[in-house]
Amino acid sequence: MLTRALLLAGTVLASTIVDAQIFSRELGNFDLKLATQPSRSMAQGLVKPTTPGSTFHGGLDLTHDSGWYVGQWAPTMGIRPGSNLEVDSYLGYKHPFDQTLGYELGLIHYSYPKLDSLDSQQFFAGLTVLGTRFGAAFSNDPDRRDSTLFADLGLNQPFGIGVSMKYTTHQLGTPVSIADGSSVHAFNDWSVKLSRPWMGIDLNLIYSDSSLDGMECSAYSGQNAQCDGLLTFKAERTFY
């Protein structure tokens, strides 16, 4: 209860900051961050997407000089109809060998205080080489297993276009029956994103698809917005 109370206090504080999205303060050998957006690319959102439609979200992150870190993140406070409070607690270790090489290991626990049966865990690891990030994760969700590979190639010159890719294998504990009488035991999905900053706006072009097709798409529950091939263009701008 104390841990969740600390998270909610940090979330309320972070959600009221209008001049900056991340508030940071040094506490001895520790660095404390309160934020209205994820402060870590690996532990926050590398594999499991943020709940769509979230309005109020935030969290805290505490890092030691040795490389160890711990934190919590609430991608949704469960205020909107149909949404539930989600609390993601994580522990990890990040170590750079030099300016060009480093690695990261960690564990995330996804909890839903009002829906305890949905709690799950995810192990992740990452490697950074010359500005290129490679990641892998294994999640143990109720009645399913998901394995993900991720690559972020960074900004490619001279056009300054970022390229990132994600591929996930989903193993279902209980097969899902579809209309033609067959069932789906496992499926894969993937996405490729091209991104480029332009005049303060983040431009993103995303293509996603899966191994399911036709009626099989009724069993889809992966990382993409939909089962079939989808091309999406997004333009985002941060105003504070």
Protein backbone atom coordinates (compact mmCIF):
# COMPACT_ATOMS: atom_id res chain seq x y z
CA MET A 1 0.00 0.00 0.00
CA LEU A 2 2.87 2.38 0.82
CA THR A 3 4.49 1.72 -2.56
CA ARG A 4 1.26 2.44 -4.42
CA ALA A 5 0.70 5.54 -2.32
CA LEU A 6 4.16 6.83 -3.28
CA LEU A 7 3.40 6.14 -6.93
CA LEU A 8 0.09 7.98 -6.81
CA ALA A 9 1.71 10.95 -5.07
CA GLY A 10 4.40 11.07 -7.72
CA THR A 11 1.81 10.73 -10.46
CA VAL A 12 -0.29 13.59 -9.13
CA LEU A 13 2.79 15.80 -8.79
CA ALA A 14 4.04 14.91 -12.26
CA SER A 15 0.63 15.48 -13.81
CA THR A 16 0.49 19.02 -12.43
CA ILE A 17 3.85 20.14 -13.83
CA VAL A 18 3.08 22.36 -16.83
CA ASP A 19 6.54 23.81 -17.52
CA ALA A 20 8.35 20.48 -18.06
CA GLN A 21 7.48 16.87 -18.62
CA ILE A 22 10.34 15.54 -16.46
CA PHE A 23 11.32 16.94 -13.06
CA SER A 24 14.79 15.75 -11.95
CA ARG A 25 16.69 16.18 -8.68
CA GLU A 26 19.94 14.73 -7.34
CA LEU A 27 19.80 13.09 -3.90
CA GLY A 28 23.37 12.17 -2.95
CA ASN A 29 24.36 9.27 -5.22
CA PHE A 30 20.81 8.98 -6.53
CA ASP A 31 18.97 10.77 -9.33
CA LEU A 32 15.21 11.11 -8.80
CA LYS A 33 12.85 11.84 -11.68
CA LEU A 34 9.14 12.59 -11.60
CA ALA A 35 7.59 12.61 -15.05
CA THR A 36 4.40 12.82 -17.06
CA GLN A 37 6.03 10.70 -19.76
CA PRO A 38 8.23 7.57 -19.58
CA SER A 39 11.77 8.50 -18.52
CA ARG A 40 13.30 5.21 -19.74
CA SER A 41 13.17 3.84 -23.27
CA MET A 42 13.93 0.25 -22.21
CA ALA A 43 11.89 -0.15 -19.04
CA GLN A 44 9.06 2.02 -20.33
CA GLY A 45 7.33 1.02 -23.53
CA LEU A 46 10.05 -0.92 -25.36
CA VAL A 47 7.83 -3.97 -25.62
CA LYS A 48 4.46 -3.41 -24.01
CA PRO A 49 2.61 -0.41 -25.51
CA THR A 50 1.02 2.30 -23.40
CA THR A 51 -2.71 1.80 -22.94
CA PRO A 52 -4.47 3.77 -25.71
CA GLY A 53 -6.67 6.63 -24.63
CA SER A 54 -4.70 7.39 -21.45
CA THR A 55 -5.29 10.93 -20.22
CA PHE A 56 -3.65 11.05 -16.78
CA HIS A 57 -0.36 9.22 -16.41
CA GLY A 58 2.99 9.62 -14.69
CA GLY A 59 5.54 8.03 -12.44
CA LEU A 60 8.88 8.15 -10.69
CA ASP A 61 12.36 6.80 -11.40
CA LEU A 62 15.31 6.48 -8.97
CA THR A 63 18.80 5.77 -10.36
CA HIS A 64 22.03 5.08 -8.46
CA ASP A 65 25.46 6.10 -9.77
CA SER A 66 26.41 2.40 -9.95
CA GLY A 67 23.83 1.83 -12.71
CA TRP A 68 21.04 0.24 -10.67
CA TYR A 69 17.59 1.79 -11.00
CA VAL A 70 14.07 1.24 -9.71
CA GLY A 71 10.81 2.95 -10.54
CA GLN A 72 7.09 2.87 -11.14
CA TRP A 73 5.00 4.10 -14.02
CA ALA A 74 1.21 4.40 -14.36
CA PRO A 75 0.32 4.56 -18.07
CA THR A 76 -3.34 4.99 -17.12
CA MET A 77 -5.06 6.02 -13.91
CA GLY A 78 -8.31 4.25 -14.81
CA ILE A 79 -10.32 7.47 -14.85
CA ARG A 80 -11.83 7.11 -18.30
CA PRO A 81 -14.79 4.69 -18.74
CA GLY A 82 -13.61 1.24 -19.76
CA SER A 83 -10.03 1.77 -18.50
CA ASN A 84 -8.34 0.35 -15.41
CA LEU A 85 -5.61 1.61 -13.12
CA GLU A 86 -2.27 0.09 -14.23
CA VAL A 87 0.90 0.23 -12.14
CA ASP A 88 4.17 -0.90 -13.75
CA SER A 89 7.02 -1.49 -11.27
CA TYR A 90 10.52 -2.08 -12.62
CA LEU A 91 14.05 -2.89 -11.45
CA GLY A 92 17.10 -2.91 -13.67
CA TYR A 93 20.79 -2.34 -14.21
CA LYS A 94 22.32 -0.27 -17.01
CA HIS A 95 26.06 -0.16 -17.69
CA PRO A 96 27.89 1.72 -20.45
CA PHE A 97 31.39 0.45 -21.22
CA ASP A 98 32.21 3.66 -23.09
CA GLN A 99 30.47 6.17 -25.39
CA THR A 100 29.77 3.51 -28.02
CA LEU A 101 28.89 0.31 -26.13
CA GLY A 102 26.60 -0.56 -23.21
CA TYR A 103 24.02 -3.03 -21.97
CA GLU A 104 20.89 -3.16 -19.81
CA LEU A 105 19.01 -5.90 -17.91
CA GLY A 106 15.78 -5.67 -15.97
CA LEU A 107 12.39 -6.89 -14.83
CA ILE A 108 8.97 -5.22 -15.04
CA HIS A 109 5.89 -6.22 -13.04
CA TYR A 110 2.58 -5.08 -14.54
CA SER A 111 -0.18 -4.89 -11.95
CA TYR A 112 -3.84 -3.91 -12.03
CA PRO A 113 -4.95 -3.20 -8.44
CA LYS A 114 -8.62 -3.74 -9.29
CA LEU A 115 -7.97 -6.79 -11.50
CA ASP A 116 -5.35 -8.90 -9.69
CA SER A 117 -5.73 -11.86 -12.06
CA LEU A 118 -4.17 -9.81 -14.88
CA ASP A 119 -0.81 -9.25 -13.15
CA SER A 120 2.18 -10.26 -15.28
CA GLN A 121 5.99 -10.05 -15.45
CA GLN A 122 8.42 -9.22 -18.21
CA PHE A 123 12.18 -9.77 -18.42
CA PHE A 124 14.13 -7.53 -20.79
CA ALA A 125 17.68 -7.01 -21.99
CA GLY A 126 19.25 -4.46 -24.29
CA LEU A 127 22.53 -3.74 -26.05
CA THR A 128 23.64 -0.36 -27.42
CA VAL A 129 26.33 -0.28 -30.11
CA LEU A 130 27.39 2.98 -31.80
CA GLY A 131 23.99 4.57 -31.18
CA THR A 132 22.04 1.52 -32.35
CA ARG A 133 19.85 -0.20 -29.75
CA PHE A 134 18.91 -3.87 -29.77
CA GLY A 135 16.42 -5.28 -27.28
CA ALA A 136 14.79 -8.58 -26.35
CA ALA A 137 12.07 -9.42 -23.86
CA PHE A 138 10.07 -12.36 -22.55
CA SER A 139 6.73 -11.77 -20.84
CA ASN A 140 4.80 -14.19 -18.66
CA ASP A 141 1.19 -13.05 -18.89
CA PRO A 142 -1.83 -14.99 -17.64
CA ASP A 143 -2.49 -17.80 -20.12
CA ARG A 144 0.05 -16.60 -22.71
CA ARG A 145 3.76 -16.14 -23.43
CA ASP A 146 5.18 -13.33 -25.58
CA SER A 147 8.74 -13.04 -26.90
CA THR A 148 9.90 -9.82 -28.55
CA LEU A 149 12.91 -8.62 -30.52
CA PHE A 150 13.47 -4.91 -31.07
CA ALA A 151 15.96 -2.77 -32.98
CA ASP A 152 16.34 1.01 -33.07
CA LEU A 153 18.86 2.07 -35.70
CA GLY A 154 18.87 5.71 -34.62
CA LEU A 155 18.97 8.68 -36.99
CA ASN A 156 20.50 7.87 -40.36
CA GLN A 157 22.41 10.65 -42.07
CA PRO A 158 22.21 12.71 -44.20
CA PHE A 159 18.37 12.63 -44.09
CA GLY A 160 18.07 12.32 -40.31
CA ILE A 161 15.46 9.54 -40.51
CA GLY A 162 15.14 7.17 -37.56
CA VAL A 163 14.33 3.50 -38.20
CA SER A 164 13.01 1.08 -35.58
CA MET A 165 11.61 -2.45 -35.90
CA LYS A 166 9.77 -4.83 -33.58
CA TYR A 167 8.92 -8.53 -33.98
CA THR A 168 6.87 -10.52 -31.44
CA THR A 169 5.88 -14.19 -31.14
CA HIS A 170 2.69 -14.87 -29.15
CA GLN A 171 2.01 -18.32 -27.64
CA LEU A 172 -1.55 -18.72 -26.36
CA GLY A 173 -2.17 -21.00 -23.37
CA THR A 174 -5.76 -21.58 -24.49
CA PRO A 175 -6.37 -21.87 -28.27
CA VAL A 176 -8.88 -19.41 -29.69
CA SER A 177 -11.60 -20.91 -31.89
CA ILE A 178 -12.57 -19.10 -35.07
CA ALA A 179 -15.68 -19.23 -37.28
CA ASP A 180 -14.44 -21.89 -39.74
CA GLY A 181 -13.96 -24.45 -36.96
CA SER A 182 -10.18 -24.17 -36.70
CA SER A 183 -8.27 -22.60 -33.83
CA VAL A 184 -5.27 -20.32 -33.31
CA HIS A 185 -2.54 -21.53 -30.93
CA ALA A 186 0.15 -18.97 -31.79
CA PHE A 187 0.82 -16.02 -34.11
CA ASN A 188 3.45 -13.40 -34.89
CA ASP A 189 3.24 -9.68 -35.52
CA TRP A 190 5.72 -6.98 -36.47
CA SER A 191 6.07 -3.28 -37.14
CA VAL A 192 8.52 -0.90 -38.82
CA LYS A 193 8.63 2.80 -37.94
CA LEU A 194 10.31 5.66 -39.79
CA SER A 195 10.60 8.88 -37.79
CA ARG A 196 12.00 12.34 -38.38
CA PRO A 197 11.87 15.58 -36.37
CA TRP A 198 10.74 18.62 -38.37
CA MET A 199 10.29 22.14 -37.00
CA GLY A 200 9.55 20.85 -33.50
CA ILE A 201 7.16 18.17 -34.79
CA ASP A 202 7.87 14.42 -34.60
CA LEU A 203 6.81 12.81 -37.88
CA ASN A 204 6.24 9.03 -37.80
CA LEU A 205 5.34 6.60 -40.58
CA ILE A 206 4.49 3.13 -39.24
CA TYR A 207 3.71 -0.13 -41.06
CA SER A 208 2.41 -3.09 -39.06
CA ASP A 209 1.14 -6.56 -39.93
CA SER A 210 0.71 -10.07 -38.50
CA SER A 211 0.77 -13.73 -39.55
CA LEU A 212 -3.02 -13.97 -39.18
CA ASP A 213 -5.36 -13.32 -42.08
CA GLY A 214 -9.07 -13.29 -42.86
CA MET A 215 -11.23 -14.95 -40.19
CA GLU A 216 -8.11 -15.71 -38.13
CA CYS A 217 -7.95 -12.04 -37.23
CA SER A 218 -10.81 -12.60 -34.76
CA ALA A 219 -8.16 -14.24 -32.52
CA TYR A 220 -5.68 -11.38 -32.77
CA SER A 221 -4.47 -9.82 -29.49
CA GLY A 222 -1.00 -8.56 -30.33
CA GLN A 223 0.99 -5.34 -30.18
CA ASN A 224 -0.42 -3.68 -33.31
CA ALA A 225 -3.55 -1.59 -33.69
CA GLN A 226 -5.08 -4.23 -35.97
CA CYS A 227 -4.36 -7.68 -37.38
CA ASP A 228 -4.08 -6.86 -41.10
CA GLY A 229 -1.42 -4.73 -42.74
CA LEU A 230 -1.80 -1.10 -41.65
CA LEU A 231 0.10 2.02 -42.72
CA THR A 232 -0.16 4.89 -40.21
CA PHE A 233 1.13 8.46 -40.31
CA LYS A 234 1.46 10.38 -37.04
CA ALA A 235 2.55 13.94 -36.36
CA GLU A 236 3.16 14.87 -32.71
CA ARG A 237 4.27 18.09 -31.08
CA THR A 238 5.09 18.68 -27.42
CA PHE A 239 3.83 22.03 -26.14
CA TYR A 240 5.44 21.90 -22.68
